[in-house]
Every structure is written in structure tokens, then in C-alpha cells.
Amino acid sequence: MPEPDFTDALVLTGGGTGGHFFPAVALAEGARARWPGRAVAFVGARRGIEARQLPEGPWPHLLVDVEGFLGRSPLPVLRSAWKLLRAMRHLKGRFARQRPSR
């Protein structure tokens, strides 16, 4: 699936576990039913359940390289922080060009 165009889209994120991902999908389905003309897209992690579920589903999505912080020693925490900052910078630039819905 090609990378999504976020222009005027409702962008959802939620993943890592099914307890976060499946409620986000339910919100996406509800938004599609309520506003059929509104694009809905996901941003998720390359790891976790969304990396397995989104490619199989109907939702446009972008997967970024991020990982959790909890329970990690200092070096992996720094690596996680670097990945988060890099992903945020990428998304900020992308959202500046393709303005999601507010």
C-alpha cells in the first residue's frame, strides 16, 4: 500500500498491544460511518500489533521506527529517545505539507 496522503485526514495512532490498537480501529470505523467523505489514516510503530494488522487491512497507514522506554537501561533509553525525536521530526514535516484534519 502506498504511503497515505494525510491532507485533511483524520489521523489515528494506537498500537503496541491489542488494547490500544483495536479501540483505535473501532474509532476509525465509527468515523468512516459518521463522515463517509473524510479520509482516515493511521500512524503506528514498525513493531507491535499495528505492524502486522495494518498492512492486511483497508486503512492507509505510515509505520515509523519507534520503541518503548520502560524497563530499559540508560543506553537503550537514549536510543528510544533518538528514534522518537526522529519520528516526530519526520511527522511534523509531513503534517506541515499534508495538513491533517483538526
Protein backbone atom coordinates (compact mmCIF):
# COMPACT_ATOMS: atom_id res chain seq x y z
CA MET A 1 0.00 0.00 0.00
CA PRO A 2 1.45 3.42 -0.87
CA GLU A 3 2.11 5.88 1.91
CA PRO A 4 -1.04 7.77 2.87
CA ASP A 5 -1.85 11.34 1.98
CA PHE A 6 -2.70 12.97 5.31
CA THR A 7 -4.26 16.06 3.72
CA ASP A 8 -7.49 16.78 5.61
CA ALA A 9 -7.48 13.21 7.01
CA LEU A 10 -8.40 12.08 10.49
CA VAL A 11 -5.11 10.60 11.71
CA LEU A 12 -5.24 8.00 14.45
CA THR A 13 -2.49 6.25 16.32
CA GLY A 14 -2.62 3.44 18.82
CA GLY A 15 -0.66 0.30 18.94
CA GLY A 16 1.92 -1.82 20.60
CA THR A 17 -0.81 -4.01 22.04
CA GLY A 18 -4.32 -5.00 21.05
CA GLY A 19 -5.67 -2.98 23.96
CA HIS A 20 -4.58 0.19 22.16
CA PHE A 21 -4.83 -0.85 18.53
CA PHE A 22 -8.32 -2.33 18.36
CA PRO A 23 -10.03 0.65 20.06
CA ALA A 24 -8.29 2.92 17.52
CA VAL A 25 -9.66 0.75 14.70
CA ALA A 26 -13.14 0.96 16.25
CA LEU A 27 -12.83 4.75 16.31
CA ALA A 28 -11.73 4.71 12.65
CA GLU A 29 -14.71 2.56 11.68
CA GLY A 30 -17.05 4.89 13.59
CA ALA A 31 -15.53 7.95 11.93
CA ARG A 32 -15.90 6.37 8.49
CA ALA A 33 -19.56 5.60 9.19
CA ARG A 34 -20.27 9.09 10.55
CA TRP A 35 -18.23 11.06 7.99
CA PRO A 36 -18.03 8.92 4.82
CA GLY A 37 -16.17 11.61 2.87
CA ARG A 38 -13.42 12.07 5.47
CA ALA A 39 -10.18 10.19 4.91
CA VAL A 40 -8.93 8.16 7.87
CA ALA A 41 -5.28 7.12 8.21
CA PHE A 42 -3.08 5.57 10.87
CA VAL A 43 0.40 6.26 12.17
CA GLY A 44 1.93 3.37 14.06
CA ALA A 45 5.16 1.68 15.04
CA ARG A 46 7.08 -0.75 12.85
CA ARG A 47 6.94 -3.07 15.84
CA GLY A 48 3.85 -4.18 17.65
CA ILE A 49 0.46 -5.33 16.56
CA GLU A 50 -0.18 -2.46 14.14
CA ALA A 51 2.80 -3.54 12.02
CA ARG A 52 1.07 -6.89 11.47
CA GLN A 53 -2.56 -5.76 11.25
CA LEU A 54 -2.48 -2.54 9.22
CA PRO A 55 -0.87 -3.98 6.06
CA GLU A 56 -3.63 -6.61 5.92
CA GLY A 57 -6.46 -4.11 6.43
CA PRO A 58 -8.14 -1.35 4.45
CA TRP A 59 -6.58 1.58 6.30
CA PRO A 60 -3.91 3.82 4.78
CA HIS A 61 -1.01 3.89 7.21
CA LEU A 62 2.51 5.00 7.92
CA LEU A 63 4.74 2.93 10.20
CA VAL A 64 7.60 4.72 11.97
CA ASP A 65 10.63 3.35 13.79
CA VAL A 66 9.89 3.92 17.50
CA GLU A 67 10.07 1.75 20.60
CA GLY A 68 9.17 1.88 24.28
CA PHE A 69 11.16 3.40 27.14
CA LEU A 70 10.03 1.44 30.19
CA GLY A 71 12.21 -1.15 31.87
CA ARG A 72 15.31 -0.31 29.89
CA SER A 73 18.85 0.58 30.85
CA PRO A 74 20.23 4.05 30.01
CA LEU A 75 21.71 3.31 26.56
CA PRO A 76 18.55 1.70 25.14
CA VAL A 77 16.51 4.57 26.63
CA LEU A 78 18.72 7.05 24.75
CA ARG A 79 18.27 5.05 21.55
CA SER A 80 14.50 5.04 22.09
CA ALA A 81 14.51 8.79 22.68
CA TRP A 82 16.53 9.33 19.49
CA LYS A 83 14.08 7.23 17.48
CA LEU A 84 11.15 9.13 18.95
CA LEU A 85 12.67 12.52 18.14
CA ARG A 86 13.50 11.40 14.60
CA ALA A 87 9.93 10.10 14.06
CA MET A 88 8.44 13.31 15.49
CA ARG A 89 10.57 15.43 13.16
CA HIS A 90 9.53 13.32 10.18
CA LEU A 91 5.83 13.54 11.08
CA LYS A 92 5.98 17.25 11.82
CA GLY A 93 7.41 17.90 8.35
CA ARG A 94 4.92 15.57 6.74
CA PHE A 95 1.97 17.15 8.56
CA ALA A 96 3.20 20.63 7.56
CA ARG A 97 2.97 19.59 3.90
CA GLN A 98 -0.15 17.43 4.21
CA ARG A 99 -2.29 19.11 6.87
CA PRO A 100 -4.47 16.56 8.71
CA SER A 101 -7.98 17.44 9.82
CA ARG A 102 -8.28 19.44 13.02
